[in-house]
Every structure is written in C-alpha cells, then in structure tokens.
Amino acid sequence: MIREITKADFESFWPTFSAVIQAQETYAFDPNMTLEQAFALWCESPLKAFVFVENDVVLGSYYIKPNAMGPSSHICNCGYMVSSEARGKGIARLMCEHSQETALGLGFDAM
C-alpha cells in the first residue's frame, strides 16, 4: 500500500534513510543530518511524500516536487528509497508508477 507519509512513518523509515545518505552513493545529502533535518528535507520541503507499507512495515518512500522554479516548474522531480531488505521486489517500480499518476494529478507535464 502506498500512502502519504506521516512523521511516525518517517521515524520508522529513518534507519533506511540514514543508511542511504551515509553510503553517499545516490544522494548528495549531508550524511550526518539529524532525523529532524531529514524529515524537513524529505517530507516537508517537497509538495508531497509517500511511503510503501507492507504488513505495517515501511519498506520504501518517495517525494515529489517541482524540478525547479519558473519556466521548468511544470516538470517534477522525485526521489526514491527502498529498504535493503525489500530491494529487488518491485517496490521502487510501484512507487515510480504511483509518482507518475501523482504528478499528473498535481498538474505536472513531465517528469
């Protein structure tokens, strides 16, 4: 199930988020950011953020926001993370499909 993220969801997902940013392989985020800083960045700054939940466990998350201001604000940008235990199970694909539908619903023309 994919739903809008809550603070409790993000707190549950924090170990995955922290591991991803500390690896410094996919996101250029400060690897030492706090949970509060990460929540603001991933959940409050974007237009929306979502989680993929299975059996009450948060296995993935994504955000959606405009790519930039001004002339390119009709293009959206998304970021995706999936827990290491859940990788290879199609969760990122499902979140990507959900984000495409969400983008259209938010009025974006491209991703």
Protein backbone atom coordinates (compact mmCIF):
# COMPACT_ATOMS: atom_id res chain seq x y z
CA MET A 1 0.00 0.00 0.00
CA ILE A 2 1.24 3.48 -0.84
CA ARG A 3 0.03 6.39 1.27
CA GLU A 4 1.11 9.90 2.24
CA ILE A 5 3.90 9.82 4.80
CA THR A 6 3.42 10.69 8.47
CA LYS A 7 6.07 11.68 11.00
CA ALA A 8 5.74 8.22 12.58
CA ASP A 9 6.27 6.61 9.15
CA PHE A 10 9.43 8.62 8.62
CA GLU A 11 10.74 7.76 12.07
CA SER A 12 10.19 4.09 11.22
CA PHE A 13 11.98 4.58 7.88
CA TRP A 14 14.84 6.58 9.41
CA PRO A 15 17.30 3.63 9.64
CA THR A 16 16.97 3.10 5.87
CA PHE A 17 17.16 6.81 5.09
CA SER A 18 20.21 7.22 7.29
CA ALA A 19 21.97 4.21 5.74
CA VAL A 20 21.35 5.51 2.22
CA ILE A 21 22.70 9.00 2.90
CA GLN A 22 25.67 7.68 4.87
CA ALA A 23 26.63 5.45 1.93
CA GLN A 24 26.99 8.63 -0.19
CA GLU A 25 26.30 6.68 -3.38
CA THR A 26 22.95 8.04 -4.56
CA TYR A 27 22.07 11.26 -2.71
CA ALA A 28 24.26 14.29 -2.09
CA PHE A 29 22.76 14.84 1.36
CA ASP A 30 24.79 15.55 4.47
CA PRO A 31 25.48 12.07 5.85
CA ASN A 32 25.37 13.48 9.38
CA MET A 33 21.97 15.14 9.16
CA THR A 34 19.60 14.53 12.03
CA LEU A 35 16.23 12.84 11.79
CA GLU A 36 14.56 16.24 12.12
CA GLN A 37 16.64 17.74 9.30
CA ALA A 38 15.94 14.72 7.13
CA PHE A 39 12.21 14.88 7.82
CA ALA A 40 12.14 18.54 6.79
CA LEU A 41 14.12 17.80 3.62
CA TRP A 42 12.26 14.65 2.51
CA CYS A 43 8.75 15.26 3.85
CA GLU A 44 8.12 18.96 4.40
CA SER A 45 10.03 20.71 1.60
CA PRO A 46 8.57 18.72 -1.33
CA LEU A 47 4.95 19.02 -2.42
CA LYS A 48 4.19 15.55 -1.14
CA ALA A 49 5.95 12.49 0.24
CA PHE A 50 4.71 8.91 0.34
CA VAL A 51 5.57 5.55 1.86
CA PHE A 52 5.17 1.99 0.68
CA VAL A 53 3.89 -0.09 3.58
CA GLU A 54 3.52 -3.86 3.77
CA ASN A 55 2.38 -5.67 6.92
CA ASP A 56 2.68 -2.39 8.86
CA VAL A 57 6.37 -2.06 7.89
CA VAL A 58 7.60 0.93 5.89
CA LEU A 59 9.67 -0.56 3.06
CA GLY A 60 10.07 2.47 0.81
CA SER A 61 9.45 6.16 0.42
CA TYR A 62 9.44 8.82 -2.25
CA TYR A 63 8.91 12.56 -2.56
CA ILE A 64 7.62 14.67 -5.44
CA LYS A 65 8.35 18.33 -6.08
CA PRO A 66 8.85 20.77 -8.94
CA ASN A 67 12.20 20.27 -10.66
CA ALA A 68 12.91 23.99 -10.43
CA MET A 69 11.12 27.31 -10.19
CA GLY A 70 9.98 29.44 -13.08
CA PRO A 71 9.92 28.10 -16.64
CA SER A 72 10.54 24.49 -15.60
CA SER A 73 8.03 24.32 -12.76
CA HIS A 74 5.81 22.11 -14.94
CA ILE A 75 8.45 19.35 -14.67
CA CYS A 76 8.54 17.32 -11.48
CA ASN A 77 11.38 15.65 -9.68
CA CYS A 78 11.11 12.59 -7.44
CA GLY A 79 13.46 10.82 -5.07
CA TYR A 80 13.00 7.18 -4.09
CA MET A 81 14.45 4.99 -1.33
CA VAL A 82 13.77 1.33 -0.56
CA SER A 83 14.99 -0.59 2.47
CA SER A 84 17.82 -3.00 1.74
CA GLU A 85 15.68 -5.97 2.82
CA ALA A 86 12.99 -5.07 0.28
CA ARG A 87 15.16 -4.33 -2.76
CA GLY A 88 14.56 -6.37 -5.89
CA LYS A 89 10.86 -6.91 -5.13
CA GLY A 90 9.43 -4.25 -7.44
CA ILE A 91 8.68 -1.69 -4.73
CA ALA A 92 10.59 1.12 -6.48
CA ARG A 93 8.73 0.32 -9.70
CA LEU A 94 5.37 0.54 -7.89
CA MET A 95 6.36 3.83 -6.27
CA CYS A 96 7.53 5.18 -9.64
CA GLU A 97 4.21 4.27 -11.25
CA HIS A 98 2.39 5.89 -8.31
CA SER A 99 4.54 9.01 -8.65
CA GLN A 100 3.68 9.29 -12.35
CA GLU A 101 -0.03 9.21 -11.53
CA THR A 102 0.51 11.66 -8.68
CA ALA A 103 2.46 14.01 -10.97
CA LEU A 104 -0.39 14.13 -13.45
CA GLY A 105 -2.86 14.75 -10.63
CA LEU A 106 -0.72 17.64 -9.39
CA GLY A 107 -0.66 19.20 -12.87
CA PHE A 108 2.89 18.37 -13.92
CA ASP A 109 3.51 17.86 -17.65
CA ALA A 110 6.77 15.96 -17.43
CA MET A 111 8.99 14.05 -15.04
